[in-house]
Amino acid sequence: ELLELKPYYLYRQKNMAGNLENVGYARAGKECLYNI
């Protein structure tokens, strides 16, 4: 947030530490289209 990067994609996997997630943050216009 301080870097002005917004969350634009996320996914989860088995056996993740803390049962959490993977999140991609990006500046507007710099998001990875392929990831989505």
ModelCIF file with pLDDT and N, C-alpha, C, O atoms, coordinates in Angstrom:
data_MODEL
#
_entry.id   MODEL 
#
_entity.id                         1 
_entity.type                       polymer 
_entity.pdbx_number_of_molecules   1 
#
_entity_poly.entity_id                      1 
_entity_poly.type                           'polypeptide(L)' 
_entity_poly.nstd_linkage                   no 
_entity_poly.nstd_monomer                   no 
_entity_poly.pdbx_seq_one_letter_code       ELLELKPYYLYRQKNMAGNLENVGYARAGKECLYNI 
_entity_poly.pdbx_seq_one_letter_code_can   ELLELKPYYLYRQKNMAGNLENVGYARAGKECLYNI 
_entity_poly.pdbx_strand_id                 A 
#
loop_
_entity_poly_seq.entity_id 
_entity_poly_seq.num 
_entity_poly_seq.mon_id 
_entity_poly_seq.hetero 
1 1  GLU n 
1 2  LEU n 
1 3  LEU n 
1 4  GLU n 
1 5  LEU n 
1 6  LYS n 
1 7  PRO n 
1 8  TYR n 
1 9  TYR n 
1 10 LEU n 
1 11 TYR n 
1 12 ARG n 
1 13 GLN n 
1 14 LYS n 
1 15 ASN n 
1 16 MET n 
1 17 ALA n 
1 18 GLY n 
1 19 ASN n 
1 20 LEU n 
1 21 GLU n 
1 22 ASN n 
1 23 VAL n 
1 24 GLY n 
1 25 TYR n 
1 26 ALA n 
1 27 ARG n 
1 28 ALA n 
1 29 GLY n 
1 30 LYS n 
1 31 GLU n 
1 32 CYS n 
1 33 LEU n 
1 34 TYR n 
1 35 ASN n 
1 36 ILE n 
#
_struct_asym.id          A 
_struct_asym.entity_id   1 
#
loop_
_ma_qa_metric.id 
_ma_qa_metric.mode 
_ma_qa_metric.name 
_ma_qa_metric.software_group_id 
_ma_qa_metric.type 
1 global pLDDT . pLDDT 
2 local  pLDDT . pLDDT 
#
_ma_qa_metric_global.metric_id      1 
_ma_qa_metric_global.metric_value   93.67 
_ma_qa_metric_global.model_id       1 
_ma_qa_metric_global.ordinal_id     1 
#
loop_
_ma_qa_metric_local.label_asym_id 
_ma_qa_metric_local.label_comp_id 
_ma_qa_metric_local.label_seq_id 
_ma_qa_metric_local.metric_id 
_ma_qa_metric_local.metric_value 
_ma_qa_metric_local.model_id 
_ma_qa_metric_local.ordinal_id 
A GLU 1  2 97.00 1 1  
A LEU 2  2 97.00 1 2  
A LEU 3  2 98.00 1 3  
A GLU 4  2 98.00 1 4  
A LEU 5  2 98.00 1 5  
A LYS 6  2 98.00 1 6  
A PRO 7  2 98.00 1 7  
A TYR 8  2 98.00 1 8  
A TYR 9  2 95.00 1 9  
A LEU 10 2 96.00 1 10 
A TYR 11 2 95.00 1 11 
A ARG 12 2 93.00 1 12 
A GLN 13 2 86.00 1 13 
A LYS 14 2 79.00 1 14 
A ASN 15 2 75.00 1 15 
A MET 16 2 80.00 1 16 
A ALA 17 2 79.00 1 17 
A GLY 18 2 81.00 1 18 
A ASN 19 2 84.00 1 19 
A LEU 20 2 91.00 1 20 
A GLU 21 2 94.00 1 21 
A ASN 22 2 96.00 1 22 
A VAL 23 2 97.00 1 23 
A GLY 24 2 98.00 1 24 
A TYR 25 2 98.00 1 25 
A ALA 26 2 98.00 1 26 
A ARG 27 2 98.00 1 27 
A ALA 28 2 97.00 1 28 
A GLY 29 2 96.00 1 29 
A LYS 30 2 98.00 1 30 
A GLU 31 2 98.00 1 31 
A CYS 32 2 98.00 1 32 
A LEU 33 2 98.00 1 33 
A TYR 34 2 98.00 1 34 
A ASN 35 2 97.00 1 35 
A ILE 36 2 97.00 1 36 
#
loop_
_atom_site.group_PDB 
_atom_site.id 
_atom_site.type_symbol 
_atom_site.label_atom_id 
_atom_site.label_alt_id 
_atom_site.label_comp_id 
_atom_site.label_asym_id 
_atom_site.label_entity_id 
_atom_site.label_seq_id 
_atom_site.pdbx_PDB_ins_code 
_atom_site.Cartn_x 
_atom_site.Cartn_y 
_atom_site.Cartn_z 
_atom_site.occupancy 
_atom_site.B_iso_or_equiv 
_atom_site.pdbx_formal_charge 
_atom_site.auth_seq_id 
_atom_site.auth_comp_id 
_atom_site.auth_asym_id 
_atom_site.auth_atom_id 
_atom_site.pdbx_PDB_model_num 
ATOM 1   N N  . GLU A 1 1  ? 0.831  -1.209  0.000   1.00 97.00 ? 1  GLU A N  1 
ATOM 2   C CA . GLU A 1 1  ? 0.000  0.000   0.000   1.00 97.00 ? 1  GLU A CA 1 
ATOM 3   C C  . GLU A 1 1  ? 0.867  1.261   0.000   1.00 97.00 ? 1  GLU A C  1 
ATOM 4   O O  . GLU A 1 1  ? 0.566  2.217   -0.715  1.00 97.00 ? 1  GLU A O  1 
ATOM 5   N N  . LEU A 1 2  ? 1.928  1.270   0.788   1.00 97.00 ? 2  LEU A N  1 
ATOM 6   C CA . LEU A 1 2  ? 2.830  2.424   0.816   1.00 97.00 ? 2  LEU A CA 1 
ATOM 7   C C  . LEU A 1 2  ? 3.475  2.660   -0.548  1.00 97.00 ? 2  LEU A C  1 
ATOM 8   O O  . LEU A 1 2  ? 3.748  3.800   -0.924  1.00 97.00 ? 2  LEU A O  1 
ATOM 9   N N  . LEU A 1 3  ? 3.714  1.588   -1.279  1.00 98.00 ? 3  LEU A N  1 
ATOM 10  C CA . LEU A 1 3  ? 4.328  1.684   -2.606  1.00 98.00 ? 3  LEU A CA 1 
ATOM 11  C C  . LEU A 1 3  ? 3.299  1.919   -3.701  1.00 98.00 ? 3  LEU A C  1 
ATOM 12  O O  . LEU A 1 3  ? 3.640  1.959   -4.883  1.00 98.00 ? 3  LEU A O  1 
ATOM 13  N N  . GLU A 1 4  ? 2.028  2.075   -3.302  1.00 98.00 ? 4  GLU A N  1 
ATOM 14  C CA . GLU A 1 4  ? 0.924  2.293   -4.240  1.00 98.00 ? 4  GLU A CA 1 
ATOM 15  C C  . GLU A 1 4  ? 0.753  1.096   -5.186  1.00 98.00 ? 4  GLU A C  1 
ATOM 16  O O  . GLU A 1 4  ? 0.438  1.257   -6.365  1.00 98.00 ? 4  GLU A O  1 
ATOM 17  N N  . LEU A 1 5  ? 0.968  -0.097  -4.642  1.00 98.00 ? 5  LEU A N  1 
ATOM 18  C CA . LEU A 1 5  ? 0.747  -1.337  -5.370  1.00 98.00 ? 5  LEU A CA 1 
ATOM 19  C C  . LEU A 1 5  ? -0.567 -1.946  -4.882  1.00 98.00 ? 5  LEU A C  1 
ATOM 20  O O  . LEU A 1 5  ? -0.757 -2.142  -3.682  1.00 98.00 ? 5  LEU A O  1 
ATOM 21  N N  . LYS A 1 6  ? -1.471 -2.243  -5.814  1.00 98.00 ? 6  LYS A N  1 
ATOM 22  C CA . LYS A 1 6  ? -2.782 -2.784  -5.465  1.00 98.00 ? 6  LYS A CA 1 
ATOM 23  C C  . LYS A 1 6  ? -2.814 -4.292  -5.725  1.00 98.00 ? 6  LYS A C  1 
ATOM 24  O O  . LYS A 1 6  ? -2.193 -4.770  -6.674  1.00 98.00 ? 6  LYS A O  1 
ATOM 25  N N  . PRO A 1 7  ? -3.536 -5.045  -4.884  1.00 98.00 ? 7  PRO A N  1 
ATOM 26  C CA . PRO A 1 7  ? -3.646 -6.487  -5.133  1.00 98.00 ? 7  PRO A CA 1 
ATOM 27  C C  . PRO A 1 7  ? -4.436 -6.757  -6.410  1.00 98.00 ? 7  PRO A C  1 
ATOM 28  O O  . PRO A 1 7  ? -5.510 -6.190  -6.610  1.00 98.00 ? 7  PRO A O  1 
ATOM 29  N N  . TYR A 1 8  ? -3.902 -7.622  -7.276  1.00 98.00 ? 8  TYR A N  1 
ATOM 30  C CA . TYR A 1 8  ? -4.592 -7.875  -8.547  1.00 98.00 ? 8  TYR A CA 1 
ATOM 31  C C  . TYR A 1 8  ? -4.779 -9.360  -8.867  1.00 98.00 ? 8  TYR A C  1 
ATOM 32  O O  . TYR A 1 8  ? -5.565 -9.697  -9.752  1.00 98.00 ? 8  TYR A O  1 
ATOM 33  N N  . TYR A 1 9  ? -4.080 -10.249 -8.170  1.00 95.00 ? 9  TYR A N  1 
ATOM 34  C CA . TYR A 1 9  ? -4.386 -11.675 -8.329  1.00 95.00 ? 9  TYR A CA 1 
ATOM 35  C C  . TYR A 1 9  ? -3.919 -12.421 -7.095  1.00 95.00 ? 9  TYR A C  1 
ATOM 36  O O  . TYR A 1 9  ? -3.001 -11.991 -6.397  1.00 95.00 ? 9  TYR A O  1 
ATOM 37  N N  . LEU A 1 10 ? -4.566 -13.547 -6.840  1.00 96.00 ? 10 LEU A N  1 
ATOM 38  C CA . LEU A 1 10 ? -4.146 -14.382 -5.709  1.00 96.00 ? 10 LEU A CA 1 
ATOM 39  C C  . LEU A 1 10 ? -4.477 -15.827 -5.997  1.00 96.00 ? 10 LEU A C  1 
ATOM 40  O O  . LEU A 1 10 ? -5.372 -16.139 -6.783  1.00 96.00 ? 10 LEU A O  1 
ATOM 41  N N  . TYR A 1 11 ? -3.747 -16.688 -5.353  1.00 95.00 ? 11 TYR A N  1 
ATOM 42  C CA . TYR A 1 11 ? -4.053 -18.109 -5.416  1.00 95.00 ? 11 TYR A CA 1 
ATOM 43  C C  . TYR A 1 11 ? -3.527 -18.774 -4.156  1.00 95.00 ? 11 TYR A C  1 
ATOM 44  O O  . TYR A 1 11 ? -2.704 -18.206 -3.437  1.00 95.00 ? 11 TYR A O  1 
ATOM 45  N N  . ARG A 1 12 ? -4.001 -19.963 -3.902  1.00 93.00 ? 12 ARG A N  1 
ATOM 46  C CA . ARG A 1 12 ? -3.597 -20.715 -2.726  1.00 93.00 ? 12 ARG A CA 1 
ATOM 47  C C  . ARG A 1 12 ? -3.048 -22.068 -3.173  1.00 93.00 ? 12 ARG A C  1 
ATOM 48  O O  . ARG A 1 12 ? -3.298 -22.511 -4.294  1.00 93.00 ? 12 ARG A O  1 
ATOM 49  N N  . GLN A 1 13 ? -2.299 -22.717 -2.285  1.00 86.00 ? 13 GLN A N  1 
ATOM 50  C CA . GLN A 1 13 ? -1.729 -24.033 -2.566  1.00 86.00 ? 13 GLN A CA 1 
ATOM 51  C C  . GLN A 1 13 ? -1.901 -24.937 -1.352  1.00 86.00 ? 13 GLN A C  1 
ATOM 52  O O  . GLN A 1 13 ? -2.203 -24.476 -0.251  1.00 86.00 ? 13 GLN A O  1 
ATOM 53  N N  . LYS A 1 14 ? -1.705 -26.210 -1.570  1.00 79.00 ? 14 LYS A N  1 
ATOM 54  C CA . LYS A 1 14 ? -1.728 -27.148 -0.457  1.00 79.00 ? 14 LYS A CA 1 
ATOM 55  C C  . LYS A 1 14 ? -0.510 -26.911 0.433   1.00 79.00 ? 14 LYS A C  1 
ATOM 56  O O  . LYS A 1 14 ? 0.548  -26.483 -0.027  1.00 79.00 ? 14 LYS A O  1 
ATOM 57  N N  . ASN A 1 15 ? -0.688 -27.196 1.696   1.00 75.00 ? 15 ASN A N  1 
ATOM 58  C CA . ASN A 1 15 ? 0.412  -27.135 2.672   1.00 75.00 ? 15 ASN A CA 1 
ATOM 59  C C  . ASN A 1 15 ? 1.048  -25.749 2.770   1.00 75.00 ? 15 ASN A C  1 
ATOM 60  O O  . ASN A 1 15 ? 2.258  -25.628 2.959   1.00 75.00 ? 15 ASN A O  1 
ATOM 61  N N  . MET A 1 16 ? 0.233  -24.712 2.640   1.00 80.00 ? 16 MET A N  1 
ATOM 62  C CA . MET A 1 16 ? 0.768  -23.356 2.739   1.00 80.00 ? 16 MET A CA 1 
ATOM 63  C C  . MET A 1 16 ? 0.997  -22.986 4.196   1.00 80.00 ? 16 MET A C  1 
ATOM 64  O O  . MET A 1 16 ? 0.176  -23.284 5.064   1.00 80.00 ? 16 MET A O  1 
ATOM 65  N N  . ALA A 1 17 ? 2.127  -22.331 4.451   1.00 79.00 ? 17 ALA A N  1 
ATOM 66  C CA . ALA A 1 17 ? 2.422  -21.878 5.806   1.00 79.00 ? 17 ALA A CA 1 
ATOM 67  C C  . ALA A 1 17 ? 1.321  -20.949 6.290   1.00 79.00 ? 17 ALA A C  1 
ATOM 68  O O  . ALA A 1 17 ? 0.964  -19.984 5.615   1.00 79.00 ? 17 ALA A O  1 
ATOM 69  N N  . GLY A 1 18 ? 0.786  -21.253 7.470   1.00 81.00 ? 18 GLY A N  1 
ATOM 70  C CA . GLY A 1 18 ? -0.246 -20.411 8.059   1.00 81.00 ? 18 GLY A CA 1 
ATOM 71  C C  . GLY A 1 18 ? -1.592 -20.522 7.386   1.00 81.00 ? 18 GLY A C  1 
ATOM 72  O O  . GLY A 1 18 ? -2.514 -19.786 7.739   1.00 81.00 ? 18 GLY A O  1 
ATOM 73  N N  . ASN A 1 19 ? -1.738 -21.437 6.409   1.00 84.00 ? 19 ASN A N  1 
ATOM 74  C CA . ASN A 1 19 ? -2.993 -21.596 5.674   1.00 84.00 ? 19 ASN A CA 1 
ATOM 75  C C  . ASN A 1 19 ? -3.403 -20.277 5.024   1.00 84.00 ? 19 ASN A C  1 
ATOM 76  O O  . ASN A 1 19 ? -4.576 -19.905 5.040   1.00 84.00 ? 19 ASN A O  1 
ATOM 77  N N  . LEU A 1 20 ? -2.435 -19.581 4.458   1.00 91.00 ? 20 LEU A N  1 
ATOM 78  C CA . LEU A 1 20 ? -2.691 -18.249 3.915   1.00 91.00 ? 20 LEU A CA 1 
ATOM 79  C C  . LEU A 1 20 ? -2.795 -18.289 2.390   1.00 91.00 ? 20 LEU A C  1 
ATOM 80  O O  . LEU A 1 20 ? -3.533 -19.112 1.848   1.00 91.00 ? 20 LEU A O  1 
ATOM 81  N N  . GLU A 1 21 ? -2.075 -17.422 1.698   1.00 94.00 ? 21 GLU A N  1 
ATOM 82  C CA . GLU A 1 21 ? -2.270 -17.255 0.258   1.00 94.00 ? 21 GLU A CA 1 
ATOM 83  C C  . GLU A 1 21 ? -1.034 -16.642 -0.385  1.00 94.00 ? 21 GLU A C  1 
ATOM 84  O O  . GLU A 1 21 ? -0.124 -16.183 0.306   1.00 94.00 ? 21 GLU A O  1 
ATOM 85  N N  . ASN A 1 22 ? -1.012 -16.640 -1.700  1.00 96.00 ? 22 ASN A N  1 
ATOM 86  C CA . ASN A 1 22 ? -0.040 -15.890 -2.482  1.00 96.00 ? 22 ASN A CA 1 
ATOM 87  C C  . ASN A 1 22 ? -0.774 -14.725 -3.136  1.00 96.00 ? 22 ASN A C  1 
ATOM 88  O O  . ASN A 1 22 ? -1.836 -14.913 -3.729  1.00 96.00 ? 22 ASN A O  1 
ATOM 89  N N  . VAL A 1 23 ? -0.212 -13.525 -3.028  1.00 97.00 ? 23 VAL A N  1 
ATOM 90  C CA . VAL A 1 23 ? -0.881 -12.337 -3.561  1.00 97.00 ? 23 VAL A CA 1 
ATOM 91  C C  . VAL A 1 23 ? 0.081  -11.550 -4.443  1.00 97.00 ? 23 VAL A C  1 
ATOM 92  O O  . VAL A 1 23 ? 1.236  -11.329 -4.080  1.00 97.00 ? 23 VAL A O  1 
ATOM 93  N N  . GLY A 1 24 ? -0.407 -11.135 -5.600  1.00 98.00 ? 24 GLY A N  1 
ATOM 94  C CA . GLY A 1 24 ? 0.351  -10.256 -6.470  1.00 98.00 ? 24 GLY A CA 1 
ATOM 95  C C  . GLY A 1 24 ? -0.161 -8.834  -6.330  1.00 98.00 ? 24 GLY A C  1 
ATOM 96  O O  . GLY A 1 24 ? -1.359 -8.581  -6.454  1.00 98.00 ? 24 GLY A O  1 
ATOM 97  N N  . TYR A 1 25 ? 0.755  -7.904  -6.070  1.00 98.00 ? 25 TYR A N  1 
ATOM 98  C CA . TYR A 1 25 ? 0.435  -6.481  -5.982  1.00 98.00 ? 25 TYR A CA 1 
ATOM 99  C C  . TYR A 1 25 ? 1.131  -5.769  -7.136  1.00 98.00 ? 25 TYR A C  1 
ATOM 100 O O  . TYR A 1 25 ? 2.243  -6.144  -7.506  1.00 98.00 ? 25 TYR A O  1 
ATOM 101 N N  . ALA A 1 26 ? 0.500  -4.753  -7.708  1.00 98.00 ? 26 ALA A N  1 
ATOM 102 C CA . ALA A 1 26 ? 1.125  -4.042  -8.818  1.00 98.00 ? 26 ALA A CA 1 
ATOM 103 C C  . ALA A 1 26 ? 0.651  -2.597  -8.885  1.00 98.00 ? 26 ALA A C  1 
ATOM 104 O O  . ALA A 1 26 ? -0.441 -2.253  -8.433  1.00 98.00 ? 26 ALA A O  1 
ATOM 105 N N  . ARG A 1 27 ? 1.511  -1.764  -9.464  1.00 98.00 ? 27 ARG A N  1 
ATOM 106 C CA . ARG A 1 27 ? 1.141  -0.393  -9.772  1.00 98.00 ? 27 ARG A CA 1 
ATOM 107 C C  . ARG A 1 27 ? 0.157  -0.422  -10.936 1.00 98.00 ? 27 ARG A C  1 
ATOM 108 O O  . ARG A 1 27 ? 0.231  -1.318  -11.777 1.00 98.00 ? 27 ARG A O  1 
ATOM 109 N N  . ALA A 1 28 ? -0.750 0.525   -11.002 1.00 97.00 ? 28 ALA A N  1 
ATOM 110 C CA . ALA A 1 28 ? -1.751 0.565   -12.060 1.00 97.00 ? 28 ALA A CA 1 
ATOM 111 C C  . ALA A 1 28 ? -1.085 0.532   -13.431 1.00 97.00 ? 28 ALA A C  1 
ATOM 112 O O  . ALA A 1 28 ? -0.190 1.329   -13.709 1.00 97.00 ? 28 ALA A O  1 
ATOM 113 N N  . GLY A 1 29 ? -1.519 -0.388  -14.281 1.00 96.00 ? 29 GLY A N  1 
ATOM 114 C CA . GLY A 1 29 ? -0.960 -0.537  -15.615 1.00 96.00 ? 29 GLY A CA 1 
ATOM 115 C C  . GLY A 1 29 ? 0.216  -1.484  -15.692 1.00 96.00 ? 29 GLY A C  1 
ATOM 116 O O  . GLY A 1 29 ? 0.683  -1.789  -16.789 1.00 96.00 ? 29 GLY A O  1 
ATOM 117 N N  . LYS A 1 30 ? 0.711  -1.960  -14.557 1.00 98.00 ? 30 LYS A N  1 
ATOM 118 C CA . LYS A 1 30 ? 1.869  -2.847  -14.529 1.00 98.00 ? 30 LYS A CA 1 
ATOM 119 C C  . LYS A 1 30 ? 1.489  -4.272  -14.101 1.00 98.00 ? 30 LYS A C  1 
ATOM 120 O O  . LYS A 1 30 ? 2.369  -5.101  -13.871 1.00 98.00 ? 30 LYS A O  1 
ATOM 121 N N  . GLU A 1 31 ? 0.217  -4.554  -13.995 1.00 98.00 ? 31 GLU A N  1 
ATOM 122 C CA . GLU A 1 31 ? -0.221 -5.888  -13.585 1.00 98.00 ? 31 GLU A CA 1 
ATOM 123 C C  . GLU A 1 31 ? 0.153  -6.914  -14.660 1.00 98.00 ? 31 GLU A C  1 
ATOM 124 O O  . GLU A 1 31 ? 0.219  -6.583  -15.844 1.00 98.00 ? 31 GLU A O  1 
ATOM 125 N N  . CYS A 1 32 ? 0.394  -8.141  -14.246 1.00 98.00 ? 32 CYS A N  1 
ATOM 126 C CA . CYS A 1 32 ? 0.720  -9.219  -15.188 1.00 98.00 ? 32 CYS A CA 1 
ATOM 127 C C  . CYS A 1 32 ? -0.576 -9.832  -15.710 1.00 98.00 ? 32 CYS A C  1 
ATOM 128 O O  . CYS A 1 32 ? -1.277 -10.536 -14.982 1.00 98.00 ? 32 CYS A O  1 
ATOM 129 N N  . LEU A 1 33 ? -0.889 -9.558  -16.981 1.00 98.00 ? 33 LEU A N  1 
ATOM 130 C CA . LEU A 1 33 ? -2.111 -10.084 -17.582 1.00 98.00 ? 33 LEU A CA 1 
ATOM 131 C C  . LEU A 1 33 ? -2.117 -11.605 -17.583 1.00 98.00 ? 33 LEU A C  1 
ATOM 132 O O  . LEU A 1 33 ? -3.138 -12.235 -17.307 1.00 98.00 ? 33 LEU A O  1 
ATOM 133 N N  . TYR A 1 34 ? -0.963 -12.188 -17.897 1.00 98.00 ? 34 TYR A N  1 
ATOM 134 C CA . TYR A 1 34 ? -0.880 -13.650 -17.948 1.00 98.00 ? 34 TYR A CA 1 
ATOM 135 C C  . TYR A 1 34 ? -1.291 -14.272 -16.621 1.00 98.00 ? 34 TYR A C  1 
ATOM 136 O O  . TYR A 1 34 ? -2.015 -15.268 -16.602 1.00 98.00 ? 34 TYR A O  1 
ATOM 137 N N  . ASN A 1 35 ? -0.837 -13.697 -15.512 1.00 97.00 ? 35 ASN A N  1 
ATOM 138 C CA . ASN A 1 35 ? -1.167 -14.262 -14.201 1.00 97.00 ? 35 ASN A CA 1 
ATOM 139 C C  . ASN A 1 35 ? -2.668 -14.357 -13.997 1.00 97.00 ? 35 ASN A C  1 
ATOM 140 O O  . ASN A 1 35 ? -3.163 -15.363 -13.489 1.00 97.00 ? 35 ASN A O  1 
ATOM 141 N N  . ILE A 1 36 ? -3.391 -13.327 -14.384 1.00 97.00 ? 36 ILE A N  1 
ATOM 142 C CA . ILE A 1 36 ? -4.849 -13.335 -14.222 1.00 97.00 ? 36 ILE A CA 1 
ATOM 143 C C  . ILE A 1 36 ? -5.476 -14.339 -15.178 1.00 97.00 ? 36 ILE A C  1 
ATOM 144 O O  . ILE A 1 36 ? -6.697 -14.496 -15.196 1.00 97.00 ? 36 ILE A O  1 
#
